[in-house]
């Protein structure tokens, strides 16, 4: 309880979830996809396939961004000569 008293939202990570924050990206992308498709879809006939497709696109986009950033940080930046 003492660590929650010193927690400042939006400045420091939330205690207890900082170790597995990446798991929360899956439900976050699902809920954002559900809200976006509910507003943008003309009819609800293809709602769930559209939500599944958008969720997969968001998750794969995050994974691709992580891979590109890891390539830059771990391979390209150390290869730059320091003068």
Protein backbone atom coordinates (compact mmCIF):
# COMPACT_ATOMS: atom_id res chain seq x y z
CA UNK A 1 0.00 0.00 0.00
CA UNK A 2 2.89 2.34 0.69
CA UNK A 3 4.11 2.24 -2.90
CA UNK A 4 0.70 3.34 -4.21
CA UNK A 5 0.84 6.50 -2.09
CA UNK A 6 3.98 7.66 -3.88
CA UNK A 7 2.73 6.79 -7.37
CA UNK A 8 2.29 9.74 -9.75
CA UNK A 9 0.14 8.74 -12.77
CA UNK A 10 1.52 9.54 -16.25
CA UNK A 11 4.97 10.20 -14.75
CA UNK A 12 6.03 6.91 -13.15
CA UNK A 13 5.03 3.36 -14.14
CA UNK A 14 2.14 1.85 -12.23
CA UNK A 15 3.35 -0.47 -9.49
CA UNK A 16 2.60 -4.12 -10.05
CA UNK A 17 2.09 -4.02 -13.83
CA UNK A 18 5.43 -2.65 -15.01
CA UNK A 19 6.83 -6.18 -15.39
CA UNK A 20 4.21 -7.39 -17.84
CA UNK A 21 2.98 -4.19 -19.50
CA UNK A 22 3.38 -5.70 -22.97
CA UNK A 23 0.56 -8.19 -22.29
CA UNK A 24 -1.82 -5.25 -21.87
CA UNK A 25 -1.15 -4.23 -25.50
CA UNK A 26 -3.35 -7.10 -26.72
CA UNK A 27 -6.60 -6.13 -24.95
CA UNK A 28 -5.86 -2.45 -25.58
CA UNK A 29 -5.62 -3.03 -29.33
CA UNK A 30 -8.76 -5.20 -29.24
CA UNK A 31 -10.82 -2.58 -27.40
CA UNK A 32 -9.58 0.25 -29.61
CA UNK A 33 -10.43 -1.82 -32.69
CA UNK A 34 -13.90 -2.56 -31.32
CA UNK A 35 -14.59 1.12 -30.68
CA UNK A 36 -13.16 2.27 -34.00
CA UNK A 37 -15.07 -0.28 -36.06
CA UNK A 38 -18.30 0.37 -34.14
CA UNK A 39 -18.11 4.01 -35.18
CA UNK A 40 -16.76 3.57 -38.72
CA UNK A 41 -18.58 0.42 -39.90
CA UNK A 42 -21.58 1.09 -42.17
CA UNK A 43 -23.40 -2.08 -41.15
CA UNK A 44 -22.74 -4.60 -38.40
CA UNK A 45 -22.73 -7.62 -40.69
CA UNK A 46 -18.93 -7.86 -40.92
CA UNK A 47 -18.15 -6.25 -37.59
CA UNK A 48 -16.25 -9.05 -35.82
CA UNK A 49 -14.09 -10.05 -38.80
CA UNK A 50 -13.21 -6.37 -39.28
CA UNK A 51 -12.33 -6.07 -35.58
CA UNK A 52 -10.16 -9.19 -35.74
CA UNK A 53 -8.40 -7.92 -38.86
CA UNK A 54 -7.72 -4.49 -37.36
CA UNK A 55 -6.51 -6.01 -34.07
CA UNK A 56 -4.08 -8.24 -35.96
CA UNK A 57 -2.85 -5.27 -37.98
CA UNK A 58 -2.24 -3.20 -34.85
CA UNK A 59 -0.42 -6.02 -33.02
CA UNK A 60 1.70 -6.90 -36.06
CA UNK A 61 2.47 -3.22 -36.55
CA UNK A 62 3.71 -2.96 -32.96
CA UNK A 63 5.85 -6.07 -33.41
CA UNK A 64 7.30 -4.71 -36.67
CA UNK A 65 8.02 -1.36 -35.02
CA UNK A 66 9.77 -3.16 -32.14
CA UNK A 67 11.87 -5.22 -34.57
CA UNK A 68 12.89 -2.15 -36.57
CA UNK A 69 13.76 -0.20 -33.42
CA UNK A 70 15.74 -3.15 -32.03
CA UNK A 71 17.65 -3.38 -35.32
CA UNK A 72 18.53 0.30 -35.16
CA UNK A 73 19.57 0.24 -31.50
CA UNK A 74 21.41 -3.08 -31.44
CA UNK A 75 23.01 -3.18 -34.91
CA UNK A 76 23.14 0.20 -36.62
CA UNK A 77 23.94 2.56 -33.74
CA UNK A 78 26.91 0.50 -32.42
CA UNK A 79 28.34 0.42 -35.97
CA UNK A 80 28.50 4.23 -36.15
CA UNK A 81 32.04 5.38 -35.41
CA UNK A 82 32.41 7.67 -32.42
CA UNK A 83 34.75 10.54 -33.13
